[in-house]
Amino acid sequence: MSEPDYYQLLGVPPEAPVSEIRRAWRRRVRDVHPDAGGAPAEFHALQEAYSTLTDPQRRLEYDTERTGRRPAWLPQPRSGRHAKGRRVRGWRVDRRAPAPVPESKGDVLPRPWYADIKATRRVRTSPSALRHAVVAGAAVLVWLLAGLLAGIRAVSALDGPGGFMDAVIRTAVVPYLFVGLITAAVWSIRITPGVTWSSRVGPVGCGVAAVGVAWASRLSPGGLTLAVFTAGVGILPLLMRRLRAALRLRAATLAAIREFNAFGPAGAKPRADRHTGAVLRELLAQLPAARLFVRVPVGALRVEYTITCGNRVALISHPQPRTPRDTGWENLPAVVGDIAELLGDVAVRGFVVWSHLPPDHPRTHGDVRHLTAPDATAEIGRWLAAEPYTLHLPTIRRLRDRLAAGPIVDVPADHSGVRDTVGVR
């Protein structure tokens, strides 16, 4: 690059903070200033180095062009955030003490929706990497055992009675086992994420070959073990692909959602009015796997509050949009459809929380329910409580990616009638 090395010119290391750069500039400027007998060219180079290294954006561009790597002075990203996490902010919403379950004293009391949920119970993940590992390990053991038995039978029968073709087939079994072992290993290592033509043709072809081997051997024990080995050549790469996908998803998502239980775009805060804030706080306190997403962008709009628990997602909105981009009760049904299409095989419902629901207002509008705050807490909680201890990682990852990919919108300094009632710390 044509510019001089600004760090060497100031005498500071590349990871130096701005305060150290300022001190070094003050020391150097006394010696190179033209009034002190310094050269004007050197003074202008020093000034350019100072203005570049004290401006974060210009310094980032300079270091990127200079080294092509992430600068050492940038703060390290927090654990658990994926590559787009710089545009996603996480909070720990304070889990208040769960409401006690009322005790019956002779009268018949309605059983609360959270009565059977233990807020301290450990959450589990879906898909489970441990379950995929156990299934893949068991399949590998069965496959290797079938190959070993087929090889032993072939070797022990080489000197047995039979015609020429029988001898040829028995002799070809051992090389076939080695070829199958190498093929399965290569497919398991090189298979790419997602569904590809090789991930479809391989299992189908091996399944057809396994059926042919079993039929040709007339279902003999040796033929069945060889058929199991043949089918495993195509099945094992699929199991390994699912295991690797579950491990990647766990590594990219799990650390963040255990550290935080609320997410939103950079600069946002989980603000809500008194009634909606009480609903959100109660749901996060009673459901161990509940995770809150604030202002998820959907097209030109954004959903104020999205709570996911298990494979169910609740979109919660105010009756009237507070900004032109917020959803109100009129736009929420269309947004529910867009979120359901984004998340795939996940149940999505919309809820509008009213402080005072007008008597003549419809209670249902498409997939959206209109509720007052006390009724909203019970109905949303009862619906989300189908899987209170399950973190559905694909849903959480897609919502976080949507937050990261959406535009950064500045938050107004104050909302009339809006308080920070969710309990952030």
Protein backbone atom coordinates (compact mmCIF):
# COMPACT_ATOMS: atom_id res chain seq x y z
CA MET A 1 0.00 0.00 0.00
CA SER A 2 1.20 3.56 -0.73
CA GLU A 3 0.59 5.02 2.77
CA PRO A 4 3.38 4.82 5.36
CA ASP A 5 2.99 2.56 8.38
CA TYR A 6 1.04 4.81 10.74
CA TYR A 7 1.72 2.60 13.76
CA GLN A 8 5.47 2.73 13.15
CA LEU A 9 5.29 6.47 12.57
CA LEU A 10 3.65 7.00 15.97
CA GLY A 11 5.67 4.28 17.68
CA VAL A 12 2.70 2.27 18.97
CA PRO A 13 1.73 -1.40 18.47
CA PRO A 14 -1.22 -2.28 16.18
CA GLU A 15 -3.37 -3.30 19.15
CA ALA A 16 -2.84 0.02 20.98
CA PRO A 17 -5.98 1.73 22.34
CA VAL A 18 -6.91 5.27 21.35
CA SER A 19 -5.61 6.74 24.61
CA GLU A 20 -2.12 5.36 23.95
CA ILE A 21 -2.23 6.67 20.36
CA ARG A 22 -3.07 10.17 21.66
CA ARG A 23 -0.18 10.10 24.15
CA ALA A 24 2.24 8.96 21.45
CA TRP A 25 1.02 11.70 19.10
CA ARG A 26 1.55 14.39 21.75
CA ARG A 27 5.11 13.21 22.31
CA ARG A 28 5.95 13.06 18.60
CA VAL A 29 4.26 16.31 17.57
CA ARG A 30 6.59 18.34 19.79
CA ASP A 31 9.60 17.15 17.81
CA VAL A 32 8.26 17.27 14.25
CA HIS A 33 6.23 20.49 14.42
CA PRO A 34 7.51 23.08 11.86
CA ASP A 35 7.78 25.72 14.62
CA ALA A 36 10.20 23.40 16.42
CA GLY A 37 12.33 22.86 13.32
CA GLY A 38 10.61 19.77 12.02
CA ALA A 39 9.94 18.93 8.37
CA PRO A 40 6.45 19.92 7.14
CA ALA A 41 6.04 16.64 5.24
CA GLU A 42 6.74 14.58 8.34
CA PHE A 43 4.35 16.76 10.36
CA HIS A 44 1.53 16.28 7.85
CA ALA A 45 2.16 12.49 7.79
CA LEU A 46 1.95 12.45 11.59
CA GLN A 47 -1.32 14.38 11.52
CA GLU A 48 -2.75 12.00 8.93
CA ALA A 49 -1.72 8.99 11.04
CA TYR A 50 -3.33 10.54 14.14
CA SER A 51 -6.62 11.36 12.39
CA THR A 52 -6.78 7.86 10.85
CA LEU A 53 -6.01 5.83 13.96
CA THR A 54 -8.30 7.81 16.26
CA ASP A 55 -11.32 7.40 13.98
CA PRO A 56 -12.72 3.84 14.45
CA GLN A 57 -14.15 3.55 10.95
CA ARG A 58 -11.04 4.87 9.18
CA ARG A 59 -8.79 2.75 11.39
CA LEU A 60 -10.82 -0.37 10.60
CA GLU A 61 -10.54 0.30 6.86
CA TYR A 62 -6.81 1.02 7.18
CA ASP A 63 -6.10 -2.16 9.18
CA THR A 64 -8.23 -4.31 6.88
CA GLU A 65 -6.35 -3.04 3.83
CA ARG A 66 -3.03 -3.34 5.64
CA THR A 67 -3.31 -6.91 7.00
CA GLY A 68 -6.52 -8.42 5.59
CA ARG A 69 -7.40 -9.80 9.05
CA ARG A 70 -9.58 -8.77 11.97
CA PRO A 71 -7.75 -5.96 13.85
CA ALA A 72 -6.47 -6.84 17.29
CA TRP A 73 -7.88 -3.66 18.85
CA LEU A 74 -11.49 -4.63 18.07
CA PRO A 75 -13.37 -6.10 21.05
CA GLN A 76 -13.75 -9.83 20.81
CA PRO A 77 -17.32 -11.05 20.16
CA ARG A 78 -19.10 -12.61 23.11
CA SER A 79 -19.28 -16.36 23.23
CA GLY A 80 -22.14 -17.99 21.40
CA ARG A 81 -22.77 -15.26 18.84
CA HIS A 82 -22.57 -16.37 15.24
CA ALA A 83 -20.95 -14.38 12.43
CA LYS A 84 -23.83 -11.92 12.11
CA GLY A 85 -24.08 -11.40 15.87
CA ARG A 86 -22.64 -7.88 15.79
CA ARG A 87 -26.07 -6.66 14.68
CA VAL A 88 -27.92 -8.69 17.31
CA ARG A 89 -27.97 -7.61 20.92
CA GLY A 90 -28.71 -9.99 23.77
CA TRP A 91 -30.10 -9.32 27.24
CA ARG A 92 -30.76 -11.31 30.33
CA VAL A 93 -34.33 -10.54 31.26
CA ASP A 94 -34.68 -10.93 34.99
CA ARG A 95 -36.66 -14.03 35.87
CA ARG A 96 -38.83 -12.96 38.75
CA ALA A 97 -39.86 -15.45 41.39
CA PRO A 98 -42.56 -17.74 39.97
CA ALA A 99 -46.06 -17.07 41.18
CA PRO A 100 -47.04 -19.57 43.90
CA VAL A 101 -49.66 -22.16 43.11
CA PRO A 102 -52.75 -21.41 45.20
CA GLU A 103 -53.63 -24.09 47.72
CA SER A 104 -57.15 -25.38 47.86
CA LYS A 105 -58.92 -24.99 51.23
CA GLY A 106 -62.08 -26.84 50.52
CA ASP A 107 -63.18 -24.62 47.64
CA VAL A 108 -62.69 -25.63 44.02
CA LEU A 109 -59.98 -23.40 42.52
CA PRO A 110 -58.94 -23.33 38.86
CA ARG A 111 -55.60 -25.00 38.36
CA PRO A 112 -53.02 -22.49 37.01
CA TRP A 113 -51.46 -23.24 33.65
CA TYR A 114 -47.96 -23.21 35.20
CA ALA A 115 -48.79 -25.56 38.09
CA ASP A 116 -46.90 -28.55 36.63
CA ILE A 117 -43.95 -26.58 35.24
CA LYS A 118 -40.73 -26.41 37.25
CA ALA A 119 -38.88 -23.21 36.37
CA THR A 120 -35.56 -24.62 37.64
CA ARG A 121 -35.62 -27.76 35.52
CA ARG A 122 -32.83 -28.12 32.97
CA VAL A 123 -33.83 -27.44 29.37
CA ARG A 124 -33.07 -29.79 26.49
CA THR A 125 -32.34 -29.02 22.86
CA SER A 126 -34.01 -30.11 19.65
CA PRO A 127 -32.53 -31.56 17.51
CA SER A 128 -30.54 -33.40 20.14
CA ALA A 129 -26.90 -33.87 19.21
CA LEU A 130 -26.60 -36.64 21.83
CA ARG A 131 -29.49 -38.60 20.35
CA HIS A 132 -28.04 -38.29 16.85
CA ALA A 133 -24.64 -39.40 18.16
CA VAL A 134 -26.13 -42.47 19.87
CA VAL A 135 -28.09 -43.46 16.75
CA ALA A 136 -25.09 -42.94 14.48
CA GLY A 137 -22.80 -44.89 16.85
CA ALA A 138 -25.22 -47.81 17.10
CA ALA A 139 -25.62 -47.88 13.31
CA VAL A 140 -21.85 -47.91 12.82
CA LEU A 141 -21.46 -50.82 15.25
CA VAL A 142 -24.21 -52.85 13.55
CA TRP A 143 -22.75 -52.08 10.13
CA LEU A 144 -19.23 -53.09 11.11
CA LEU A 145 -20.51 -56.25 12.79
CA ALA A 146 -22.47 -57.20 9.65
CA GLY A 147 -19.39 -56.62 7.49
CA LEU A 148 -17.21 -58.65 9.84
CA LEU A 149 -19.64 -61.59 9.88
CA ALA A 150 -19.97 -61.49 6.08
CA GLY A 151 -16.17 -61.50 5.71
CA ILE A 152 -15.74 -64.41 8.16
CA ARG A 153 -18.37 -66.47 6.37
CA ALA A 154 -16.77 -65.78 2.98
CA VAL A 155 -13.27 -66.71 4.14
CA SER A 156 -14.39 -69.86 5.96
CA ALA A 157 -16.37 -71.07 2.92
CA LEU A 158 -13.57 -70.65 0.35
CA ASP A 159 -12.56 -74.31 0.60
CA GLY A 160 -16.13 -75.61 0.91
CA PRO A 161 -18.13 -77.42 -1.77
CA GLY A 162 -19.65 -75.48 -4.62
CA GLY A 163 -19.22 -74.68 -8.26
CA PHE A 164 -16.96 -72.25 -10.00
CA MET A 165 -19.37 -69.31 -9.70
CA ASP A 166 -19.81 -69.91 -5.99
CA ALA A 167 -16.05 -69.77 -5.52
CA VAL A 168 -15.84 -66.54 -7.53
CA ILE A 169 -18.60 -64.92 -5.47
CA ARG A 170 -17.01 -65.97 -2.19
CA THR A 171 -13.64 -64.65 -3.33
CA ALA A 172 -15.17 -61.26 -4.31
CA VAL A 173 -16.89 -60.68 -0.94
CA VAL A 174 -13.79 -59.49 0.92
CA PRO A 175 -12.75 -56.90 -1.73
CA TYR A 176 -16.38 -55.79 -1.84
CA LEU A 177 -16.33 -55.20 1.91
CA PHE A 178 -13.19 -53.05 1.63
CA VAL A 179 -14.71 -51.02 -1.21
CA GLY A 180 -17.90 -50.48 0.82
CA LEU A 181 -15.89 -49.40 3.86
CA ILE A 182 -13.91 -46.84 1.85
CA THR A 183 -17.05 -45.58 0.06
CA ALA A 184 -18.96 -45.05 3.30
CA ALA A 185 -15.99 -43.26 4.88
CA VAL A 186 -15.59 -40.90 1.90
CA TRP A 187 -19.32 -40.12 1.71
CA SER A 188 -19.45 -39.46 5.46
CA ILE A 189 -16.48 -37.07 5.36
CA ARG A 190 -17.17 -35.20 2.13
CA ILE A 191 -20.97 -34.99 2.25
CA THR A 192 -22.17 -31.39 2.22
CA PRO A 193 -24.94 -29.88 4.40
CA GLY A 194 -28.44 -29.92 2.95
CA VAL A 195 -30.07 -32.21 0.44
CA THR A 196 -28.01 -32.89 -2.68
CA TRP A 197 -28.30 -35.39 -5.51
CA SER A 198 -25.58 -37.57 -3.96
CA SER A 199 -27.38 -37.68 -0.62
CA ARG A 200 -30.48 -38.96 -2.44
CA VAL A 201 -29.00 -41.30 -5.05
CA GLY A 202 -26.54 -42.96 -2.65
CA PRO A 203 -29.06 -44.36 -0.13
CA VAL A 204 -31.54 -45.34 -2.85
CA GLY A 205 -28.87 -47.14 -4.87
CA CYS A 206 -27.51 -48.94 -1.83
CA GLY A 207 -31.03 -49.92 -0.78
CA VAL A 208 -31.76 -51.40 -4.20
CA ALA A 209 -28.42 -53.24 -4.13
CA ALA A 210 -29.18 -54.60 -0.63
CA VAL A 211 -32.54 -55.96 -1.80
CA GLY A 212 -30.83 -57.56 -4.81
CA VAL A 213 -28.18 -59.20 -2.62
CA ALA A 214 -30.81 -60.59 -0.22
CA TRP A 215 -32.92 -61.93 -3.10
CA ALA A 216 -29.94 -63.50 -4.90
CA SER A 217 -28.83 -65.25 -1.70
CA ARG A 218 -32.38 -66.55 -1.10
CA LEU A 219 -32.39 -64.91 2.35
CA SER A 220 -29.52 -67.01 3.62
CA PRO A 221 -27.73 -65.80 6.80
CA GLY A 222 -24.62 -64.84 4.88
CA GLY A 223 -26.65 -63.00 2.24
CA LEU A 224 -28.64 -61.08 4.86
CA THR A 225 -25.51 -59.87 6.65
CA LEU A 226 -24.07 -58.76 3.32
CA ALA A 227 -27.35 -56.98 2.50
CA VAL A 228 -27.26 -55.14 5.84
CA PHE A 229 -23.69 -54.05 5.12
CA THR A 230 -24.71 -52.83 1.64
CA ALA A 231 -27.63 -50.81 2.98
CA GLY A 232 -25.38 -49.29 5.66
CA VAL A 233 -23.05 -47.85 3.00
CA GLY A 234 -25.86 -45.48 2.00
CA ILE A 235 -27.51 -44.95 5.39
CA LEU A 236 -24.41 -44.10 7.45
CA PRO A 237 -23.55 -40.88 5.52
CA LEU A 238 -27.10 -39.62 6.12
CA LEU A 239 -26.80 -40.25 9.85
CA MET A 240 -23.40 -38.56 9.94
CA ARG A 241 -24.77 -35.56 8.03
CA ARG A 242 -27.56 -35.13 10.57
CA LEU A 243 -25.11 -35.47 13.44
CA ARG A 244 -22.77 -32.86 11.97
CA ALA A 245 -25.68 -30.49 11.30
CA ALA A 246 -26.89 -30.84 14.89
CA LEU A 247 -23.39 -30.20 16.24
CA ARG A 248 -22.95 -27.11 14.05
CA LEU A 249 -26.32 -25.74 15.10
CA ARG A 250 -25.56 -26.40 18.75
CA ALA A 251 -22.17 -24.69 18.56
CA ALA A 252 -23.56 -21.64 16.76
CA THR A 253 -26.66 -21.09 18.89
CA LEU A 254 -26.67 -22.83 22.25
CA ALA A 255 -24.06 -20.73 24.05
CA ALA A 256 -25.86 -17.48 23.20
CA ILE A 257 -29.35 -18.61 24.18
CA ARG A 258 -28.08 -19.96 27.50
CA GLU A 259 -26.34 -16.67 28.27
CA PHE A 260 -29.27 -14.53 27.12
CA ASN A 261 -33.03 -15.07 27.05
CA ALA A 262 -33.92 -11.97 25.00
CA PHE A 263 -32.60 -10.75 21.66
CA GLY A 264 -33.14 -7.72 19.46
CA PRO A 265 -31.43 -5.52 16.88
CA ALA A 266 -28.44 -3.47 17.98
CA GLY A 267 -29.62 -0.37 19.84
CA ALA A 268 -33.01 -1.79 20.80
CA LYS A 269 -34.29 -2.39 24.31
CA PRO A 270 -37.08 -4.70 25.47
CA ARG A 271 -39.56 -1.90 26.20
CA ALA A 272 -43.26 -2.50 26.60
CA ASP A 273 -46.27 -0.87 28.16
CA ARG A 274 -47.33 -1.94 31.62
CA HIS A 275 -49.83 -4.59 30.51
CA THR A 276 -47.72 -6.18 27.76
CA GLY A 277 -44.60 -6.05 29.95
CA ALA A 278 -46.41 -7.98 32.66
CA VAL A 279 -47.40 -10.66 30.14
CA LEU A 280 -43.84 -11.01 28.80
CA ARG A 281 -42.31 -11.10 32.27
CA GLU A 282 -44.72 -13.77 33.46
CA LEU A 283 -44.10 -15.99 30.41
CA LEU A 284 -40.30 -15.73 30.74
CA ALA A 285 -40.53 -16.48 34.46
CA GLN A 286 -42.75 -19.55 34.17
CA LEU A 287 -41.39 -21.20 30.97
CA PRO A 288 -37.73 -22.31 31.25
CA ALA A 289 -37.30 -22.64 27.46
CA ALA A 290 -39.04 -19.36 26.56
CA ARG A 291 -36.91 -16.91 24.54
CA LEU A 292 -37.97 -13.37 23.66
CA PHE A 293 -37.15 -11.63 20.35
CA VAL A 294 -37.79 -7.91 20.07
CA ARG A 295 -38.67 -6.13 16.82
CA VAL A 296 -38.12 -8.98 14.36
CA PRO A 297 -38.25 -7.50 10.82
CA VAL A 298 -40.80 -9.05 8.46
CA GLY A 299 -40.79 -7.30 5.10
CA ALA A 300 -41.50 -3.62 5.66
CA LEU A 301 -42.85 -4.26 9.17
CA ARG A 302 -41.47 -5.60 12.41
CA VAL A 303 -43.06 -7.72 15.11
CA GLU A 304 -42.82 -6.03 18.49
CA TYR A 305 -42.44 -9.20 20.57
CA THR A 306 -41.87 -12.81 19.54
CA ILE A 307 -41.69 -15.57 22.14
CA THR A 308 -40.60 -19.06 21.17
CA CYS A 309 -40.90 -22.13 23.38
CA GLY A 310 -40.34 -25.56 21.91
CA ASN A 311 -41.77 -25.74 18.39
CA ARG A 312 -44.36 -23.03 19.06
CA VAL A 313 -44.01 -19.30 18.40
CA ALA A 314 -46.25 -16.55 19.77
CA LEU A 315 -46.28 -13.12 18.09
CA ILE A 316 -47.45 -10.47 20.57
CA SER A 317 -48.44 -7.00 19.42
CA HIS A 318 -50.02 -3.82 20.68
CA PRO A 319 -53.48 -2.94 19.34
CA GLN A 320 -52.23 0.14 17.54
CA PRO A 321 -48.75 0.50 15.97
CA ARG A 322 -46.59 3.00 17.84
CA THR A 323 -44.43 3.68 14.77
CA PRO A 324 -45.18 3.27 11.04
CA ARG A 325 -43.08 0.08 10.94
CA ASP A 326 -44.72 -1.67 13.89
CA THR A 327 -47.48 -4.20 13.43
CA GLY A 328 -50.95 -3.48 14.73
CA TRP A 329 -53.94 -5.76 15.00
CA GLU A 330 -54.81 -5.21 11.33
CA ASN A 331 -51.38 -6.27 9.93
CA LEU A 332 -50.65 -9.06 12.40
CA PRO A 333 -52.53 -11.88 10.53
CA ALA A 334 -50.41 -11.33 7.40
CA VAL A 335 -47.24 -11.22 9.51
CA VAL A 336 -48.21 -14.52 11.17
CA GLY A 337 -48.33 -16.15 7.75
CA ASP A 338 -44.93 -14.72 6.77
CA ILE A 339 -43.30 -15.94 10.00
CA ALA A 340 -44.88 -19.39 9.59
CA GLU A 341 -43.45 -19.60 6.08
CA LEU A 342 -40.02 -18.48 7.34
CA LEU A 343 -39.86 -20.97 10.21
CA GLY A 344 -41.28 -23.98 8.35
CA ASP A 345 -42.73 -26.80 10.45
CA VAL A 346 -43.49 -24.63 13.49
CA ALA A 347 -46.85 -23.62 14.97
CA VAL A 348 -47.25 -19.82 14.91
CA ARG A 349 -50.03 -17.77 16.47
CA GLY A 350 -50.62 -14.07 16.92
CA PHE A 351 -51.91 -12.34 20.05
CA VAL A 352 -52.98 -8.71 20.53
CA VAL A 353 -52.83 -7.56 24.16
CA TRP A 354 -55.39 -4.88 25.05
CA SER A 355 -55.55 -2.89 28.25
CA HIS A 356 -59.32 -2.62 27.74
CA LEU A 357 -60.81 -4.72 24.95
CA PRO A 358 -63.86 -3.03 23.39
CA PRO A 359 -67.01 -5.15 23.83
CA ASP A 360 -67.88 -5.02 20.13
CA HIS A 361 -64.36 -5.89 18.92
CA PRO A 362 -63.93 -9.41 17.40
CA ARG A 363 -62.03 -11.83 19.64
CA THR A 364 -60.51 -13.71 16.68
CA HIS A 365 -59.11 -12.31 13.44
CA GLY A 366 -57.59 -15.05 11.28
CA ASP A 367 -54.82 -16.70 13.31
CA VAL A 368 -54.79 -13.79 15.77
CA ARG A 369 -56.47 -13.70 19.18
CA HIS A 370 -57.48 -10.43 20.88
CA LEU A 371 -57.14 -10.64 24.66
CA THR A 372 -56.90 -8.48 27.73
CA ALA A 373 -53.66 -8.69 29.72
CA PRO A 374 -54.86 -11.14 32.46
CA ASP A 375 -56.42 -13.48 29.89
CA ALA A 376 -53.41 -13.15 27.56
CA THR A 377 -50.95 -14.44 30.15
CA ALA A 378 -52.98 -17.59 30.79
CA GLU A 379 -53.90 -18.34 27.18
CA ILE A 380 -50.45 -17.67 25.66
CA GLY A 381 -48.74 -19.52 28.50
CA ARG A 382 -51.04 -22.53 28.23
CA TRP A 383 -50.43 -22.71 24.48
CA LEU A 384 -46.64 -22.36 24.73
CA ALA A 385 -46.43 -24.82 27.63
CA ALA A 386 -46.76 -27.84 25.32
CA GLU A 387 -42.93 -28.14 25.41
CA PRO A 388 -41.78 -25.95 28.30
CA TYR A 389 -38.28 -27.47 28.56
CA THR A 390 -37.33 -27.72 24.86
CA LEU A 391 -35.12 -25.22 23.01
CA HIS A 392 -35.92 -25.64 19.31
CA LEU A 393 -32.57 -24.55 17.89
CA PRO A 394 -33.58 -24.18 14.19
CA THR A 395 -36.38 -21.76 15.11
CA ILE A 396 -34.14 -19.70 17.38
CA ARG A 397 -31.35 -19.63 14.79
CA ARG A 398 -33.70 -18.45 12.02
CA LEU A 399 -35.12 -15.68 14.21
CA ARG A 400 -31.63 -14.51 15.19
CA ASP A 401 -30.52 -14.56 11.57
CA ARG A 402 -33.57 -12.52 10.60
CA LEU A 403 -32.67 -9.97 13.30
CA ALA A 404 -29.09 -9.81 12.04
CA ALA A 405 -30.10 -9.48 8.39
CA GLY A 406 -32.73 -6.81 9.03
CA PRO A 407 -32.03 -3.09 8.86
CA ILE A 408 -30.74 -1.32 11.93
CA VAL A 409 -33.46 1.08 13.03
CA ASP A 410 -32.76 3.81 15.55
CA VAL A 411 -34.81 3.64 18.72
CA PRO A 412 -36.64 6.83 19.71
CA ALA A 413 -35.31 8.36 22.87
CA ASP A 414 -38.71 8.20 24.55
CA HIS A 415 -42.07 6.59 23.91
CA SER A 416 -45.13 8.26 25.33
CA GLY A 417 -46.74 5.91 27.80
CA VAL A 418 -44.08 3.21 27.33
CA ARG A 419 -41.98 1.89 30.20
CA ASP A 420 -39.16 -0.55 30.56
CA THR A 421 -41.18 -3.10 32.51
CA VAL A 422 -39.69 -6.36 31.25
CA GLY A 423 -36.95 -6.34 33.86
CA VAL A 424 -33.62 -6.17 32.04
CA ARG A 425 -30.36 -6.46 33.84
